[in-house]
Amino acid sequence: MGVPHFEGDILTQIPADANTVIDQLSQQIGTLNKQIAILNSQLAAAMKLIPQDVLDSLDKENHAED
């Protein structure tokens, strides 16, 4: 993987295969997208458990601070 590497005062570049880096980043993006989907689902489910009057009171507090 191409990573900046400091050697004394000289900045050198460690060579990397661009295709390998692209593949690794693609896998990481795929994993992050899955995690985001799971978190969004969990958040939606949790929001349904909060009584509406509590949400309304929080909304009023947020508008009072504006």
N, C-alpha and C. Protein backbone atom coordinates (compact mmCIF):
# COMPACT_ATOMS: atom_id res chain seq x y z
N MET A 1 0.85 -1.17 0.00
CA MET A 1 0.00 0.00 0.00
C MET A 1 0.89 1.23 0.00
N GLY A 2 0.59 2.22 -0.81
CA GLY A 2 1.40 3.43 -0.88
C GLY A 2 1.16 4.32 0.32
N VAL A 3 2.14 4.44 1.14
CA VAL A 3 2.01 5.24 2.35
C VAL A 3 3.21 6.17 2.45
N PRO A 4 2.96 7.44 2.77
CA PRO A 4 4.12 8.32 2.97
C PRO A 4 4.99 7.78 4.10
N HIS A 5 6.28 7.83 3.90
CA HIS A 5 7.21 7.32 4.90
C HIS A 5 8.33 8.34 5.07
N PHE A 6 8.55 8.75 6.30
CA PHE A 6 9.58 9.75 6.56
C PHE A 6 10.90 9.07 6.82
N GLU A 7 11.89 9.47 6.07
CA GLU A 7 13.23 8.94 6.23
C GLU A 7 14.14 10.13 6.44
N GLY A 8 14.42 10.42 7.68
CA GLY A 8 15.17 11.64 7.98
C GLY A 8 14.31 12.83 7.63
N ASP A 9 14.83 13.74 6.82
CA ASP A 9 14.06 14.89 6.36
C ASP A 9 13.46 14.66 4.98
N ILE A 10 13.67 13.48 4.42
CA ILE A 10 13.22 13.21 3.05
C ILE A 10 11.94 12.37 3.09
N LEU A 11 10.89 12.85 2.43
CA LEU A 11 9.63 12.12 2.35
C LEU A 11 9.71 11.19 1.15
N THR A 12 9.65 9.88 1.40
CA THR A 12 9.68 8.92 0.32
C THR A 12 8.31 8.26 0.21
N GLN A 13 8.02 7.70 -0.94
CA GLN A 13 6.74 7.03 -1.18
C GLN A 13 6.99 5.53 -1.30
N ILE A 14 6.29 4.75 -0.48
CA ILE A 14 6.39 3.30 -0.57
C ILE A 14 5.52 2.87 -1.74
N PRO A 15 6.06 2.17 -2.72
CA PRO A 15 5.27 1.79 -3.89
C PRO A 15 4.14 0.84 -3.53
N ALA A 16 3.04 0.96 -4.25
CA ALA A 16 1.90 0.07 -4.02
C ALA A 16 1.23 -0.22 -5.35
N ASP A 17 0.59 -1.38 -5.41
CA ASP A 17 -0.17 -1.74 -6.59
C ASP A 17 -1.53 -1.03 -6.48
N ALA A 18 -1.81 -0.15 -7.43
CA ALA A 18 -3.03 0.65 -7.37
C ALA A 18 -4.28 -0.22 -7.35
N ASN A 19 -4.26 -1.32 -8.10
CA ASN A 19 -5.43 -2.20 -8.11
C ASN A 19 -5.69 -2.82 -6.74
N THR A 20 -4.63 -3.14 -6.03
CA THR A 20 -4.77 -3.69 -4.68
C THR A 20 -5.38 -2.66 -3.75
N VAL A 21 -4.91 -1.45 -3.84
CA VAL A 21 -5.43 -0.37 -3.00
C VAL A 21 -6.90 -0.12 -3.31
N ILE A 22 -7.24 -0.08 -4.59
CA ILE A 22 -8.63 0.14 -5.00
C ILE A 22 -9.53 -0.98 -4.49
N ASP A 23 -9.06 -2.22 -4.61
CA ASP A 23 -9.84 -3.36 -4.13
C ASP A 23 -10.07 -3.27 -2.62
N GLN A 24 -9.02 -2.91 -1.87
CA GLN A 24 -9.15 -2.80 -0.42
C GLN A 24 -10.12 -1.69 -0.04
N LEU A 25 -10.02 -0.56 -0.72
CA LEU A 25 -10.93 0.55 -0.43
C LEU A 25 -12.36 0.19 -0.78
N SER A 26 -12.56 -0.51 -1.89
CA SER A 26 -13.89 -0.95 -2.29
C SER A 26 -14.51 -1.87 -1.24
N GLN A 27 -13.69 -2.79 -0.72
CA GLN A 27 -14.19 -3.68 0.32
C GLN A 27 -14.56 -2.91 1.58
N GLN A 28 -13.73 -1.94 1.95
CA GLN A 28 -14.01 -1.13 3.14
C GLN A 28 -15.28 -0.32 2.96
N ILE A 29 -15.47 0.24 1.77
CA ILE A 29 -16.68 1.01 1.49
C ILE A 29 -17.91 0.11 1.56
N GLY A 30 -17.81 -1.10 1.02
CA GLY A 30 -18.91 -2.05 1.09
C GLY A 30 -19.27 -2.39 2.53
N THR A 31 -18.25 -2.61 3.35
CA THR A 31 -18.46 -2.91 4.76
C THR A 31 -19.11 -1.73 5.47
N LEU A 32 -18.62 -0.53 5.20
CA LEU A 32 -19.20 0.66 5.83
C LEU A 32 -20.65 0.87 5.41
N ASN A 33 -20.95 0.62 4.14
CA ASN A 33 -22.33 0.76 3.67
C ASN A 33 -23.26 -0.22 4.40
N LYS A 34 -22.79 -1.45 4.61
CA LYS A 34 -23.59 -2.43 5.35
C LYS A 34 -23.81 -1.97 6.79
N GLN A 35 -22.75 -1.46 7.41
CA GLN A 35 -22.85 -1.00 8.80
C GLN A 35 -23.81 0.18 8.91
N ILE A 36 -23.77 1.08 7.95
CA ILE A 36 -24.68 2.23 7.94
C ILE A 36 -26.12 1.76 7.81
N ALA A 37 -26.36 0.79 6.94
CA ALA A 37 -27.72 0.26 6.75
C ALA A 37 -28.23 -0.37 8.05
N ILE A 38 -27.37 -1.11 8.73
CA ILE A 38 -27.76 -1.73 10.00
C ILE A 38 -28.06 -0.67 11.04
N LEU A 39 -27.19 0.34 11.15
CA LEU A 39 -27.40 1.41 12.13
C LEU A 39 -28.66 2.20 11.84
N ASN A 40 -28.93 2.48 10.57
CA ASN A 40 -30.16 3.18 10.20
C ASN A 40 -31.39 2.38 10.60
N SER A 41 -31.33 1.09 10.37
CA SER A 41 -32.44 0.21 10.74
C SER A 41 -32.64 0.19 12.26
N GLN A 42 -31.54 0.08 12.99
CA GLN A 42 -31.62 0.07 14.45
C GLN A 42 -32.15 1.40 14.99
N LEU A 43 -31.71 2.50 14.39
CA LEU A 43 -32.18 3.81 14.82
C LEU A 43 -33.67 3.97 14.56
N ALA A 44 -34.13 3.53 13.39
CA ALA A 44 -35.56 3.62 13.06
C ALA A 44 -36.38 2.80 14.05
N ALA A 45 -35.90 1.61 14.38
CA ALA A 45 -36.61 0.76 15.35
C ALA A 45 -36.63 1.41 16.73
N ALA A 46 -35.51 2.00 17.13
CA ALA A 46 -35.44 2.64 18.45
C ALA A 46 -36.35 3.86 18.52
N MET A 47 -36.41 4.62 17.43
CA MET A 47 -37.25 5.82 17.41
C MET A 47 -38.73 5.46 17.59
N LYS A 48 -39.12 4.29 17.08
CA LYS A 48 -40.52 3.85 17.21
C LYS A 48 -40.87 3.53 18.66
N LEU A 49 -39.86 3.24 19.48
CA LEU A 49 -40.10 2.90 20.89
C LEU A 49 -40.25 4.13 21.78
N ILE A 50 -39.84 5.28 21.28
CA ILE A 50 -39.92 6.52 22.07
C ILE A 50 -41.34 7.09 21.93
N PRO A 51 -42.01 7.32 23.05
CA PRO A 51 -43.37 7.88 22.98
C PRO A 51 -43.37 9.24 22.26
N GLN A 52 -44.44 9.49 21.51
CA GLN A 52 -44.54 10.71 20.71
C GLN A 52 -44.46 11.97 21.57
N ASP A 53 -45.04 11.95 22.78
CA ASP A 53 -45.00 13.15 23.62
C ASP A 53 -43.56 13.49 24.04
N VAL A 54 -42.73 12.48 24.20
CA VAL A 54 -41.32 12.73 24.52
C VAL A 54 -40.62 13.38 23.33
N LEU A 55 -40.87 12.85 22.14
CA LEU A 55 -40.28 13.44 20.93
C LEU A 55 -40.75 14.88 20.75
N ASP A 56 -42.05 15.13 21.00
CA ASP A 56 -42.59 16.48 20.88
C ASP A 56 -41.92 17.43 21.86
N SER A 57 -41.68 16.98 23.09
CA SER A 57 -41.06 17.85 24.08
C SER A 57 -39.61 18.15 23.70
N LEU A 58 -38.92 17.16 23.13
CA LEU A 58 -37.54 17.40 22.68
C LEU A 58 -37.52 18.39 21.53
N ASP A 59 -38.49 18.28 20.64
CA ASP A 59 -38.57 19.19 19.50
C ASP A 59 -38.78 20.62 19.98
N LYS A 60 -39.64 20.79 20.99
CA LYS A 60 -39.89 22.13 21.54
C LYS A 60 -38.63 22.71 22.17
N GLU A 61 -37.87 21.86 22.88
CA GLU A 61 -36.62 22.31 23.49
C GLU A 61 -35.62 22.75 22.44
N ASN A 62 -35.55 22.04 21.34
CA ASN A 62 -34.61 22.39 20.27
C ASN A 62 -34.99 23.72 19.63
N HIS A 63 -36.27 23.97 19.47
CA HIS A 63 -36.71 25.24 18.87
C HIS A 63 -36.52 26.40 19.83
N ALA A 64 -36.60 26.13 21.14
CA ALA A 64 -36.41 27.19 22.13
C ALA A 64 -34.97 27.67 22.13
N GLU A 65 -34.03 26.76 21.81
CA GLU A 65 -32.60 27.13 21.80
C GLU A 65 -32.23 27.93 20.58
N ASP A 66 -33.01 27.84 19.50
CA ASP A 66 -32.68 28.55 18.25
C ASP A 66 -32.76 30.04 18.36
